[in-house]
């Protein structure tokens, strides 16, 4: 879990939504890692469908967020950009590049591998 000091410097946080009843793992990203993920976002085609977190057990998606009240949420081929918790724009990601890039930045012990093996075969 990420804990941050209060300051005005920009920062990036990623997370995976995997648990029910306990905190989901989150981790910090540096600016270069965040920009690589955002370049994937910029390459994706627009979609008219907005992402909504599924009500299922196990892996439910991942996110990238900044301290500017901006968040990208992704699950199974759809990525939605939120500003101030409202959906702004969605993009289709059939190859799940955005999602895999976010999950790929997780520290080795952050996400139980068994939770992702089924999802990313």
C-alpha atoms as a PDB file:
ATOM      1  CA  UNK A   1       0.000   0.000   0.000  1.00  0.00           C
ATOM      2  CA  UNK A   2       1.246   3.448  -0.870  1.00  0.00           C
ATOM      3  CA  UNK A   3       1.595   6.177   1.710  1.00  0.00           C
ATOM      4  CA  UNK A   4       2.564   9.667   0.655  1.00  0.00           C
ATOM      5  CA  UNK A   5       3.602  12.885   2.304  1.00  0.00           C
ATOM      6  CA  UNK A   6       1.401  15.829   1.511  1.00  0.00           C
ATOM      7  CA  UNK A   7       3.109  18.048  -1.056  1.00  0.00           C
ATOM      8  CA  UNK A   8       2.479  19.684  -4.384  1.00  0.00           C
ATOM      9  CA  UNK A   9       4.855  17.583  -6.474  1.00  0.00           C
ATOM     10  CA  UNK A  10       3.233  15.383  -9.115  1.00  0.00           C
ATOM     11  CA  UNK A  11       3.132  11.667  -8.488  1.00  0.00           C
ATOM     12  CA  UNK A  12       1.652   8.560 -10.082  1.00  0.00           C
ATOM     13  CA  UNK A  13       0.005   5.565  -8.418  1.00  0.00           C
ATOM     14  CA  UNK A  14      -0.993   2.225  -9.922  1.00  0.00           C
ATOM     15  CA  UNK A  15      -3.129  -0.458  -8.401  1.00  0.00           C
ATOM     16  CA  UNK A  16      -4.767  -3.800  -9.042  1.00  0.00           C
ATOM     17  CA  UNK A  17      -8.293  -4.563  -7.913  1.00  0.00           C
ATOM     18  CA  UNK A  18      -8.115  -8.117  -6.671  1.00  0.00           C
ATOM     19  CA  UNK A  19      -9.314  -8.440  -3.094  1.00  0.00           C
ATOM     20  CA  UNK A  20     -12.689  -8.432  -1.422  1.00  0.00           C
ATOM     21  CA  UNK A  21     -12.660  -7.253   2.159  1.00  0.00           C
ATOM     22  CA  UNK A  22      -9.055  -6.066   2.320  1.00  0.00           C
ATOM     23  CA  UNK A  23      -6.990  -3.345   0.704  1.00  0.00           C
ATOM     24  CA  UNK A  24      -5.918  -3.809  -2.873  1.00  0.00           C
ATOM     25  CA  UNK A  25      -2.226  -3.432  -3.711  1.00  0.00           C
ATOM     26  CA  UNK A  26      -1.009  -0.047  -4.913  1.00  0.00           C
ATOM     27  CA  UNK A  27       2.440   1.186  -5.862  1.00  0.00           C
ATOM     28  CA  UNK A  28       4.161   4.349  -6.991  1.00  0.00           C
ATOM     29  CA  UNK A  29       5.457   4.961 -10.505  1.00  0.00           C
ATOM     30  CA  UNK A  30       8.127   7.353 -11.646  1.00  0.00           C
ATOM     31  CA  UNK A  31       7.404   9.876 -14.384  1.00  0.00           C
ATOM     32  CA  UNK A  32       9.097   7.817 -17.132  1.00  0.00           C
ATOM     33  CA  UNK A  33       7.041   4.703 -16.331  1.00  0.00           C
ATOM     34  CA  UNK A  34       3.827   6.733 -16.257  1.00  0.00           C
ATOM     35  CA  UNK A  35       4.610   8.375 -19.595  1.00  0.00           C
ATOM     36  CA  UNK A  36       5.210   4.972 -21.226  1.00  0.00           C
ATOM     37  CA  UNK A  37       1.772   3.834 -20.086  1.00  0.00           C
ATOM     38  CA  UNK A  38       0.175   7.098 -21.222  1.00  0.00           C
ATOM     39  CA  UNK A  39       1.749   6.672 -24.655  1.00  0.00           C
ATOM     40  CA  UNK A  40      -0.154   3.386 -24.917  1.00  0.00           C
ATOM     41  CA  UNK A  41      -3.356   5.256 -23.979  1.00  0.00           C
ATOM     42  CA  UNK A  42      -2.668   7.826 -26.673  1.00  0.00           C
ATOM     43  CA  UNK A  43      -2.318   5.074 -29.295  1.00  0.00           C
ATOM     44  CA  UNK A  44      -5.687   3.434 -28.570  1.00  0.00           C
ATOM     45  CA  UNK A  45      -8.850   4.019 -30.630  1.00  0.00           C
ATOM     46  CA  UNK A  46     -11.806   5.762 -28.999  1.00  0.00           C
ATOM     47  CA  UNK A  47     -14.766   3.820 -27.635  1.00  0.00           C
ATOM     48  CA  UNK A  48     -18.290   4.931 -26.720  1.00  0.00           C
ATOM     49  CA  UNK A  49     -18.451   2.478 -23.796  1.00  0.00           C
ATOM     50  CA  UNK A  50     -17.235   3.593 -20.363  1.00  0.00           C
ATOM     51  CA  UNK A  51     -15.463   1.189 -18.040  1.00  0.00           C
ATOM     52  CA  UNK A  52     -17.173   0.097 -14.878  1.00  0.00           C
ATOM     53  CA  UNK A  53     -15.536  -2.181 -12.337  1.00  0.00           C
ATOM     54  CA  UNK A  54     -17.164  -5.615 -12.474  1.00  0.00           C
ATOM     55  CA  UNK A  55     -18.815  -7.146  -9.442  1.00  0.00           C
ATOM     56  CA  UNK A  56     -16.863 -10.420  -9.476  1.00  0.00           C
ATOM     57  CA  UNK A  57     -14.431 -12.242  -7.218  1.00  0.00           C
ATOM     58  CA  UNK A  58     -10.742 -12.150  -8.077  1.00  0.00           C
ATOM     59  CA  UNK A  59      -9.059  -9.791 -10.504  1.00  0.00           C
ATOM     60  CA  UNK A  60     -11.332  -6.857 -11.450  1.00  0.00           C
ATOM     61  CA  UNK A  61      -8.953  -4.599 -13.336  1.00  0.00           C
ATOM     62  CA  UNK A  62      -6.233  -2.067 -12.685  1.00  0.00           C
ATOM     63  CA  UNK A  63      -5.675   1.661 -12.659  1.00  0.00           C
ATOM     64  CA  UNK A  64      -3.176   4.452 -13.107  1.00  0.00           C
ATOM     65  CA  UNK A  65      -3.889   7.680 -11.256  1.00  0.00           C
ATOM     66  CA  UNK A  66      -2.236  11.003 -10.597  1.00  0.00           C
ATOM     67  CA  UNK A  67      -2.555  13.577  -7.875  1.00  0.00           C
ATOM     68  CA  UNK A  68      -4.393  15.827 -10.342  1.00  0.00           C
ATOM     69  CA  UNK A  69      -7.677  13.918  -9.821  1.00  0.00           C
ATOM     70  CA  UNK A  70      -7.073  12.023 -13.065  1.00  0.00           C
ATOM     71  CA  UNK A  71      -7.420   8.244 -13.269  1.00  0.00           C
ATOM     72  CA  UNK A  72      -7.328   5.630 -16.021  1.00  0.00           C
ATOM     73  CA  UNK A  73      -9.113   2.349 -15.230  1.00  0.00           C
ATOM     74  CA  UNK A  74      -8.765  -0.775 -17.352  1.00  0.00           C
ATOM     75  CA  UNK A  75     -10.248  -4.257 -17.571  1.00  0.00           C
ATOM     76  CA  UNK A  76     -10.449  -6.751 -20.422  1.00  0.00           C
ATOM     77  CA  UNK A  77      -9.935  -4.488 -23.380  1.00  0.00           C
ATOM     78  CA  UNK A  78     -11.439  -1.206 -22.266  1.00  0.00           C
ATOM     79  CA  UNK A  79      -9.694   1.805 -20.687  1.00  0.00           C
ATOM     80  CA  UNK A  80     -11.600   4.803 -19.342  1.00  0.00           C
ATOM     81  CA  UNK A  81     -10.186   8.160 -18.326  1.00  0.00           C
ATOM     82  CA  UNK A  82     -11.823   9.785 -15.284  1.00  0.00           C
ATOM     83  CA  UNK A  83     -11.416  13.355 -14.097  1.00  0.00           C
ATOM     84  CA  UNK A  84     -12.764  14.223 -10.676  1.00  0.00           C
ATOM     85  CA  UNK A  85     -14.355  10.726 -10.578  1.00  0.00           C
ATOM     86  CA  UNK A  86     -16.415  11.311 -13.730  1.00  0.00           C
ATOM     87  CA  UNK A  87     -15.804   9.366 -16.952  1.00  0.00           C
ATOM     88  CA  UNK A  88     -14.426  11.600 -19.682  1.00  0.00           C
ATOM     89  CA  UNK A  89     -13.230   9.332 -22.472  1.00  0.00           C
ATOM     90  CA  UNK A  90     -12.852   5.621 -23.201  1.00  0.00           C
ATOM     91  CA  UNK A  91     -10.639   3.681 -25.553  1.00  0.00           C
ATOM     92  CA  UNK A  92     -10.626   0.123 -26.851  1.00  0.00           C
ATOM     93  CA  UNK A  93      -7.589  -2.001 -26.015  1.00  0.00           C
ATOM     94  CA  UNK A  94      -8.224  -5.411 -27.563  1.00  0.00           C
ATOM     95  CA  UNK A  95      -4.644  -6.534 -26.943  1.00  0.00           C
ATOM     96  CA  UNK A  96      -4.837  -5.257 -23.350  1.00  0.00           C
ATOM     97  CA  UNK A  97      -1.540  -3.370 -23.753  1.00  0.00           C
ATOM     98  CA  UNK A  98      -2.502  -0.657 -21.254  1.00  0.00           C
ATOM     99  CA  UNK A  99      -3.636  -3.160 -18.644  1.00  0.00           C
ATOM    100  CA  UNK A 100      -0.561  -5.363 -19.067  1.00  0.00           C
ATOM    101  CA  UNK A 101       1.721  -2.319 -18.856  1.00  0.00           C
ATOM    102  CA  UNK A 102       0.155  -1.192 -15.572  1.00  0.00           C
ATOM    103  CA  UNK A 103       0.292  -4.681 -14.054  1.00  0.00           C
ATOM    104  CA  UNK A 104       3.849  -5.065 -15.371  1.00  0.00           C
ATOM    105  CA  UNK A 105       5.027  -2.188 -13.157  1.00  0.00           C
ATOM    106  CA  UNK A 106       3.891  -3.895  -9.946  1.00  0.00           C
ATOM    107  CA  UNK A 107       6.575  -4.867  -7.457  1.00  0.00           C
ATOM    108  CA  UNK A 108       7.177  -8.604  -7.565  1.00  0.00           C
ATOM    109  CA  UNK A 109       5.380  -9.355  -4.293  1.00  0.00           C
ATOM    110  CA  UNK A 110       2.460  -6.914  -4.742  1.00  0.00           C
ATOM    111  CA  UNK A 111       0.050  -9.184  -6.622  1.00  0.00           C
ATOM    112  CA  UNK A 112      -0.304 -12.928  -6.003  1.00  0.00           C
ATOM    113  CA  UNK A 113       0.764 -14.543  -9.279  1.00  0.00           C
ATOM    114  CA  UNK A 114      -2.073 -17.060  -9.108  1.00  0.00           C
ATOM    115  CA  UNK A 115      -4.574 -14.184  -9.316  1.00  0.00           C
ATOM    116  CA  UNK A 116      -3.170 -13.084 -12.676  1.00  0.00           C
ATOM    117  CA  UNK A 117      -2.223 -16.381 -14.307  1.00  0.00           C
ATOM    118  CA  UNK A 118      -5.806 -17.096 -15.339  1.00  0.00           C
ATOM    119  CA  UNK A 119      -6.404 -13.530 -16.483  1.00  0.00           C
ATOM    120  CA  UNK A 120      -3.325 -13.055 -18.678  1.00  0.00           C
ATOM    121  CA  UNK A 121      -2.766 -16.457 -20.280  1.00  0.00           C
END
